[in-house]
C-alpha atoms as a PDB file:
ATOM      1  CA  UNK A   1       0.040  -0.077  -0.113  1.00  0.00           C
ATOM      2  CA  UNK A   2       1.334   3.350  -1.003  1.00  0.00           C
ATOM      3  CA  UNK A   3       0.646   6.056   1.459  1.00  0.00           C
ATOM      4  CA  UNK A   4      -0.965   9.132  -0.427  1.00  0.00           C
ATOM      5  CA  UNK A   5       0.887  12.511  -0.137  1.00  0.00           C
ATOM      6  CA  UNK A   6      -1.674  14.103   1.808  1.00  0.00           C
ATOM      7  CA  UNK A   7      -0.880  11.773   4.673  1.00  0.00           C
ATOM      8  CA  UNK A   8       1.590  12.843   7.173  1.00  0.00           C
ATOM      9  CA  UNK A   9       4.900  11.179   6.296  1.00  0.00           C
ATOM     10  CA  UNK A  10       6.318   8.742   8.789  1.00  0.00           C
ATOM     11  CA  UNK A  11      10.296   8.907   8.905  1.00  0.00           C
ATOM     12  CA  UNK A  12      11.031   7.414  12.181  1.00  0.00           C
ATOM     13  CA  UNK A  13      13.832   6.299  14.171  1.00  0.00           C
ATOM     14  CA  UNK A  14      13.554   3.642  17.127  1.00  0.00           C
ATOM     15  CA  UNK A  15      16.261   3.751  19.862  1.00  0.00           C
ATOM     16  CA  UNK A  16      17.086   1.817  22.793  1.00  0.00           C
ATOM     17  CA  UNK A  17      19.633  -0.463  24.715  1.00  0.00           C
ATOM     18  CA  UNK A  18      19.720  -4.254  23.787  1.00  0.00           C
ATOM     19  CA  UNK A  19      16.744  -5.870  25.482  1.00  0.00           C
ATOM     20  CA  UNK A  20      14.691  -2.976  25.219  1.00  0.00           C
ATOM     21  CA  UNK A  21      12.613  -4.780  22.653  1.00  0.00           C
ATOM     22  CA  UNK A  22      13.113  -2.204  19.903  1.00  0.00           C
ATOM     23  CA  UNK A  23      13.215  -4.974  17.421  1.00  0.00           C
ATOM     24  CA  UNK A  24       9.881  -6.429  17.998  1.00  0.00           C
ATOM     25  CA  UNK A  25       8.127  -2.710  18.525  1.00  0.00           C
ATOM     26  CA  UNK A  26       9.840  -1.448  15.562  1.00  0.00           C
ATOM     27  CA  UNK A  27       8.296  -4.556  13.357  1.00  0.00           C
ATOM     28  CA  UNK A  28       4.880  -3.493  14.920  1.00  0.00           C
ATOM     29  CA  UNK A  29       5.085   0.219  13.995  1.00  0.00           C
ATOM     30  CA  UNK A  30       6.294  -0.707  10.502  1.00  0.00           C
ATOM     31  CA  UNK A  31       3.285  -2.696  10.012  1.00  0.00           C
ATOM     32  CA  UNK A  32       1.034  -0.279  11.832  1.00  0.00           C
ATOM     33  CA  UNK A  33       2.066   2.279   9.389  1.00  0.00           C
ATOM     34  CA  UNK A  34       2.884   0.453   6.001  1.00  0.00           C
ATOM     35  CA  UNK A  35       6.545   1.535   6.358  1.00  0.00           C
ATOM     36  CA  UNK A  36       9.751  -0.592   5.906  1.00  0.00           C
ATOM     37  CA  UNK A  37      11.571  -1.296   8.924  1.00  0.00           C
ATOM     38  CA  UNK A  38      15.350  -0.703   7.924  1.00  0.00           C
ATOM     39  CA  UNK A  39      17.766  -2.676  10.360  1.00  0.00           C
ATOM     40  CA  UNK A  40      21.361  -2.146   9.669  1.00  0.00           C
ATOM     41  CA  UNK A  41      21.799  -5.679  10.355  1.00  0.00           C
ATOM     42  CA  UNK A  42      19.496  -6.868   8.028  1.00  0.00           C
ATOM     43  CA  UNK A  43      20.864  -4.330   5.185  1.00  0.00           C
ATOM     44  CA  UNK A  44      24.144  -5.829   5.922  1.00  0.00           C
ATOM     45  CA  UNK A  45      23.144  -9.257   5.468  1.00  0.00           C
ATOM     46  CA  UNK A  46      21.072  -8.723   2.390  1.00  0.00           C
ATOM     47  CA  UNK A  47      24.109  -6.977   0.742  1.00  0.00           C
ATOM     48  CA  UNK A  48      26.612  -9.617   1.619  1.00  0.00           C
ATOM     49  CA  UNK A  49      24.306 -12.378   0.393  1.00  0.00           C
ATOM     50  CA  UNK A  50      23.169 -10.449  -3.039  1.00  0.00           C
ATOM     51  CA  UNK A  51      27.109 -10.280  -3.424  1.00  0.00           C
ATOM     52  CA  UNK A  52      26.757  -6.412  -4.192  1.00  0.00           C
ATOM     53  CA  UNK A  53      30.086  -4.231  -4.248  1.00  0.00           C
ATOM     54  CA  UNK A  54      29.145  -2.724  -0.973  1.00  0.00           C
ATOM     55  CA  UNK A  55      28.287  -6.459   0.360  1.00  0.00           C
ATOM     56  CA  UNK A  56      31.790  -7.737  -0.495  1.00  0.00           C
ATOM     57  CA  UNK A  57      33.243  -4.897   1.216  1.00  0.00           C
ATOM     58  CA  UNK A  58      31.045  -5.385   4.459  1.00  0.00           C
ATOM     59  CA  UNK A  59      31.948  -9.178   4.027  1.00  0.00           C
ATOM     60  CA  UNK A  60      35.582  -8.631   4.071  1.00  0.00           C
ATOM     61  CA  UNK A  61      35.632  -6.241   7.056  1.00  0.00           C
ATOM     62  CA  UNK A  62      33.472  -8.758   8.981  1.00  0.00           C
ATOM     63  CA  UNK A  63      35.621 -11.456   8.264  1.00  0.00           C
ATOM     64  CA  UNK A  64      38.752  -9.584   9.489  1.00  0.00           C
ATOM     65  CA  UNK A  65      36.961  -9.137  12.563  1.00  0.00           C
ATOM     66  CA  UNK A  66      36.682  -5.538  12.199  1.00  0.00           C
ATOM     67  CA  UNK A  67      34.020  -3.100  12.655  1.00  0.00           C
ATOM     68  CA  UNK A  68      32.047  -1.831   9.765  1.00  0.00           C
ATOM     69  CA  UNK A  69      33.259   1.889   9.455  1.00  0.00           C
ATOM     70  CA  UNK A  70      30.672   4.813   9.579  1.00  0.00           C
ATOM     71  CA  UNK A  71      31.242   6.065   6.196  1.00  0.00           C
ATOM     72  CA  UNK A  72      30.443   2.607   4.891  1.00  0.00           C
ATOM     73  CA  UNK A  73      27.394   1.861   7.024  1.00  0.00           C
ATOM     74  CA  UNK A  74      26.067   5.247   6.140  1.00  0.00           C
ATOM     75  CA  UNK A  75      26.469   4.578   2.312  1.00  0.00           C
ATOM     76  CA  UNK A  76      24.576   1.170   2.855  1.00  0.00           C
ATOM     77  CA  UNK A  77      21.857   2.780   4.578  1.00  0.00           C
ATOM     78  CA  UNK A  78      21.471   5.822   1.939  1.00  0.00           C
ATOM     79  CA  UNK A  79      21.203   2.941  -0.795  1.00  0.00           C
ATOM     80  CA  UNK A  80      18.503   1.304   1.137  1.00  0.00           C
ATOM     81  CA  UNK A  81      16.649   4.646   1.830  1.00  0.00           C
ATOM     82  CA  UNK A  82      16.474   5.464  -2.064  1.00  0.00           C
ATOM     83  CA  UNK A  83      14.691   2.215  -2.676  1.00  0.00           C
ATOM     84  CA  UNK A  84      10.863   2.840  -3.985  1.00  0.00           C
ATOM     85  CA  UNK A  85       9.438   1.169  -0.790  1.00  0.00           C
ATOM     86  CA  UNK A  86      11.050   3.978   1.412  1.00  0.00           C
ATOM     87  CA  UNK A  87       9.632   6.695  -0.446  1.00  0.00           C
ATOM     88  CA  UNK A  88       7.084   7.570   1.815  1.00  0.00           C
ATOM     89  CA  UNK A  89       8.314   6.741   5.140  1.00  0.00           C
ATOM     90  CA  UNK A  90      10.502   4.175   7.253  1.00  0.00           C
ATOM     91  CA  UNK A  91      11.596   3.148  10.579  1.00  0.00           C
ATOM     92  CA  UNK A  92      15.305   3.097  11.056  1.00  0.00           C
ATOM     93  CA  UNK A  93      16.368   0.396  13.815  1.00  0.00           C
ATOM     94  CA  UNK A  94      20.213   0.357  14.699  1.00  0.00           C
ATOM     95  CA  UNK A  95      21.091   3.478  12.567  1.00  0.00           C
ATOM     96  CA  UNK A  96      22.510   6.212  13.370  1.00  0.00           C
ATOM     97  CA  UNK A  97      24.431   4.729  16.272  1.00  0.00           C
ATOM     98  CA  UNK A  98      26.585   7.555  16.840  1.00  0.00           C
ATOM     99  CA  UNK A  99      26.828  11.164  16.429  1.00  0.00           C
ATOM    100  CA  UNK A 100      29.156  10.957  13.092  1.00  0.00           C
ATOM    101  CA  UNK A 101      26.159   8.841  11.551  1.00  0.00           C
ATOM    102  CA  UNK A 102      23.643  11.571  12.693  1.00  0.00           C
ATOM    103  CA  UNK A 103      25.255  13.916  10.625  1.00  0.00           C
ATOM    104  CA  UNK A 104      25.492  11.480   7.791  1.00  0.00           C
ATOM    105  CA  UNK A 105      21.897  10.940   7.938  1.00  0.00           C
ATOM    106  CA  UNK A 106      21.166  14.844   8.262  1.00  0.00           C
ATOM    107  CA  UNK A 107      23.048  15.371   5.245  1.00  0.00           C
ATOM    108  CA  UNK A 108      21.239  12.945   3.478  1.00  0.00           C
ATOM    109  CA  UNK A 109      17.661  13.609   4.347  1.00  0.00           C
ATOM    110  CA  UNK A 110      18.348  17.356   3.822  1.00  0.00           C
ATOM    111  CA  UNK A 111      19.543  16.629   0.281  1.00  0.00           C
ATOM    112  CA  UNK A 112      16.070  15.221  -0.215  1.00  0.00           C
ATOM    113  CA  UNK A 113      14.202  18.099   1.795  1.00  0.00           C
ATOM    114  CA  UNK A 114      13.262  15.583   4.152  1.00  0.00           C
ATOM    115  CA  UNK A 115      13.614  15.017   8.139  1.00  0.00           C
ATOM    116  CA  UNK A 116      12.772  12.782  10.886  1.00  0.00           C
ATOM    117  CA  UNK A 117       9.615  13.121  12.145  1.00  0.00           C
ATOM    118  CA  UNK A 118      10.058  11.285  15.328  1.00  0.00           C
ATOM    119  CA  UNK A 119      12.370   9.277  17.582  1.00  0.00           C
ATOM    120  CA  UNK A 120      10.952   6.367  19.823  1.00  0.00           C
ATOM    121  CA  UNK A 121      13.170   6.004  22.615  1.00  0.00           C
ATOM    122  CA  UNK A 122      12.535   2.744  24.755  1.00  0.00           C
ATOM    123  CA  UNK A 123      13.621   3.529  28.135  1.00  0.00           C
ATOM    124  CA  UNK A 124      14.510   0.309  30.111  1.00  0.00           C
ATOM    125  CA  UNK A 125      16.470   0.261  33.397  1.00  0.00           C
ATOM    126  CA  UNK A 126      19.807  -1.228  32.855  1.00  0.00           C
ATOM    127  CA  UNK A 127      19.121  -4.055  35.423  1.00  0.00           C
ATOM    128  CA  UNK A 128      16.119  -4.870  33.350  1.00  0.00           C
ATOM    129  CA  UNK A 129      18.017  -4.957  30.066  1.00  0.00           C
ATOM    130  CA  UNK A 130      20.662  -7.630  31.550  1.00  0.00           C
ATOM    131  CA  UNK A 131      17.910  -9.566  32.995  1.00  0.00           C
ATOM    132  CA  UNK A 132      16.150 -10.125  29.730  1.00  0.00           C
ATOM    133  CA  UNK A 133      19.501 -10.622  27.626  1.00  0.00           C
ATOM    134  CA  UNK A 134      20.655 -13.013  30.349  1.00  0.00           C
ATOM    135  CA  UNK A 135      17.372 -14.913  29.816  1.00  0.00           C
ATOM    136  CA  UNK A 136      17.508 -14.691  26.123  1.00  0.00           C
ATOM    137  CA  UNK A 137      20.792 -16.269  26.117  1.00  0.00           C
ATOM    138  CA  UNK A 138      19.814 -19.052  28.333  1.00  0.00           C
ATOM    139  CA  UNK A 139      16.734 -19.770  26.102  1.00  0.00           C
ATOM    140  CA  UNK A 140      19.102 -19.606  22.975  1.00  0.00           C
ATOM    141  CA  UNK A 141      22.105 -21.611  24.540  1.00  0.00           C
ATOM    142  CA  UNK A 142      24.464 -18.722  23.808  1.00  0.00           C
ATOM    143  CA  UNK A 143      26.976 -19.478  26.213  1.00  0.00           C
ATOM    144  CA  UNK A 144      29.247 -16.339  25.185  1.00  0.00           C
ATOM    145  CA  UNK A 145      26.522 -14.235  26.170  1.00  0.00           C
ATOM    146  CA  UNK A 146      27.647 -13.631  30.044  1.00  0.00           C
ATOM    147  CA  UNK A 147      26.392 -10.921  32.240  1.00  0.00           C
ATOM    148  CA  UNK A 148      29.823  -9.395  31.975  1.00  0.00           C
ATOM    149  CA  UNK A 149      29.737  -9.449  27.798  1.00  0.00           C
ATOM    150  CA  UNK A 150      25.999  -7.861  28.129  1.00  0.00           C
ATOM    151  CA  UNK A 151      26.992  -5.268  30.513  1.00  0.00           C
ATOM    152  CA  UNK A 152      30.115  -4.176  28.006  1.00  0.00           C
ATOM    153  CA  UNK A 153      27.371  -4.095  25.219  1.00  0.00           C
ATOM    154  CA  UNK A 154      25.357  -1.663  27.305  1.00  0.00           C
ATOM    155  CA  UNK A 155      28.221   0.377  28.381  1.00  0.00           C
ATOM    156  CA  UNK A 156      29.071   0.824  24.404  1.00  0.00           C
ATOM    157  CA  UNK A 157      25.425   1.854  23.938  1.00  0.00           C
ATOM    158  CA  UNK A 158      25.355   4.252  26.591  1.00  0.00           C
ATOM    159  CA  UNK A 159      28.611   5.893  25.502  1.00  0.00           C
ATOM    160  CA  UNK A 160      28.236   6.172  21.983  1.00  0.00           C
ATOM    161  CA  UNK A 161      24.401   5.758  21.158  1.00  0.00           C
ATOM    162  CA  UNK A 162      22.767   7.376  23.949  1.00  0.00           C
ATOM    163  CA  UNK A 163      24.300  10.947  23.342  1.00  0.00           C
ATOM    164  CA  UNK A 164      22.534  11.014  19.978  1.00  0.00           C
ATOM    165  CA  UNK A 165      19.076  11.334  21.634  1.00  0.00           C
ATOM    166  CA  UNK A 166      20.337  14.843  23.142  1.00  0.00           C
ATOM    167  CA  UNK A 167      20.706  15.770  19.508  1.00  0.00           C
ATOM    168  CA  UNK A 168      17.179  14.847  18.717  1.00  0.00           C
ATOM    169  CA  UNK A 169      15.669  16.238  22.072  1.00  0.00           C
ATOM    170  CA  UNK A 170      17.115  19.530  21.158  1.00  0.00           C
ATOM    171  CA  UNK A 171      14.923  19.171  17.983  1.00  0.00           C
ATOM    172  CA  UNK A 172      11.905  18.161  20.032  1.00  0.00           C
ATOM    173  CA  UNK A 173      11.081  14.902  18.143  1.00  0.00           C
ATOM    174  CA  UNK A 174      11.861  12.459  20.816  1.00  0.00           C
ATOM    175  CA  UNK A 175       9.042  10.402  22.675  1.00  0.00           C
ATOM    176  CA  UNK A 176      10.352   8.574  25.678  1.00  0.00           C
ATOM    177  CA  UNK A 177       8.533   5.235  25.986  1.00  0.00           C
ATOM    178  CA  UNK A 178       8.399   3.303  29.200  1.00  0.00           C
ATOM    179  CA  UNK A 179       9.691   0.119  27.832  1.00  0.00           C
ATOM    180  CA  UNK A 180       8.498  -2.069  30.788  1.00  0.00           C
ATOM    181  CA  UNK A 181       5.213  -4.020  30.419  1.00  0.00           C
ATOM    182  CA  UNK A 182       3.751  -6.366  28.010  1.00  0.00           C
ATOM    183  CA  UNK A 183       4.208  -6.113  24.256  1.00  0.00           C
ATOM    184  CA  UNK A 184       0.685  -4.573  23.824  1.00  0.00           C
ATOM    185  CA  UNK A 185       1.108  -2.048  26.515  1.00  0.00           C
ATOM    186  CA  UNK A 186       4.188  -0.760  25.126  1.00  0.00           C
ATOM    187  CA  UNK A 187       2.756  -0.760  21.770  1.00  0.00           C
ATOM    188  CA  UNK A 188       0.117   1.254  22.786  1.00  0.00           C
ATOM    189  CA  UNK A 189       2.092   3.658  24.339  1.00  0.00           C
ATOM    190  CA  UNK A 190       3.859   4.005  21.070  1.00  0.00           C
ATOM    191  CA  UNK A 191       0.972   4.356  19.227  1.00  0.00           C
ATOM    192  CA  UNK A 192      -0.396   7.209  21.217  1.00  0.00           C
ATOM    193  CA  UNK A 193       2.912   8.939  21.098  1.00  0.00           C
ATOM    194  CA  UNK A 194       3.072   8.996  17.340  1.00  0.00           C
ATOM    195  CA  UNK A 195      -0.654   9.950  17.218  1.00  0.00           C
ATOM    196  CA  UNK A 196      -0.023  13.034  19.222  1.00  0.00           C
ATOM    197  CA  UNK A 197       2.212  14.046  16.513  1.00  0.00           C
ATOM    198  CA  UNK A 198      -0.446  13.137  13.723  1.00  0.00           C
ATOM    199  CA  UNK A 199       1.318  10.109  12.790  1.00  0.00           C
ATOM    200  CA  UNK A 200      -1.466   7.121  12.411  1.00  0.00           C
ATOM    201  CA  UNK A 201      -1.678   4.241  10.191  1.00  0.00           C
END
């Protein structure tokens, strides 16, 4: 379904620490608004499996055990955002991850006379995130996901990703959502926050 031009656009970003449930809630928002959910991990995998030039670069970097640099991450996301299904909106999950990527995204959107409409911040206490991730590791048999490893991941989020929220708060587009509760309760909070901005399915 294509959103008609007179409907409010829905260019969204969902942000939250690991274990906040942003992947699950992002899919719900995408379905409700008929917009694609663009997860950097999924886009990386799609490019690698399709053997695109960008994918080949990513594959070589990952196989060398290195992190994909911001410039390449931004290039891959820009490529995805130019596809037809994202022309009337999208929900970004996992990008931008840091202030450098915020600048890249701003430049890209400004070149198209666009901007983000809202940033959904899923707020979950640190101990809740650790408890959820530890439980998930147990259920999935992931012995490498120790509490120490999980705490380190959360520290990286707090150091690198959380600061991007200050940028978006200054623009008045952050909706802080309590990420504790049932999936339906959290989804209802997100729906209400977006509806208050005129963003509805």
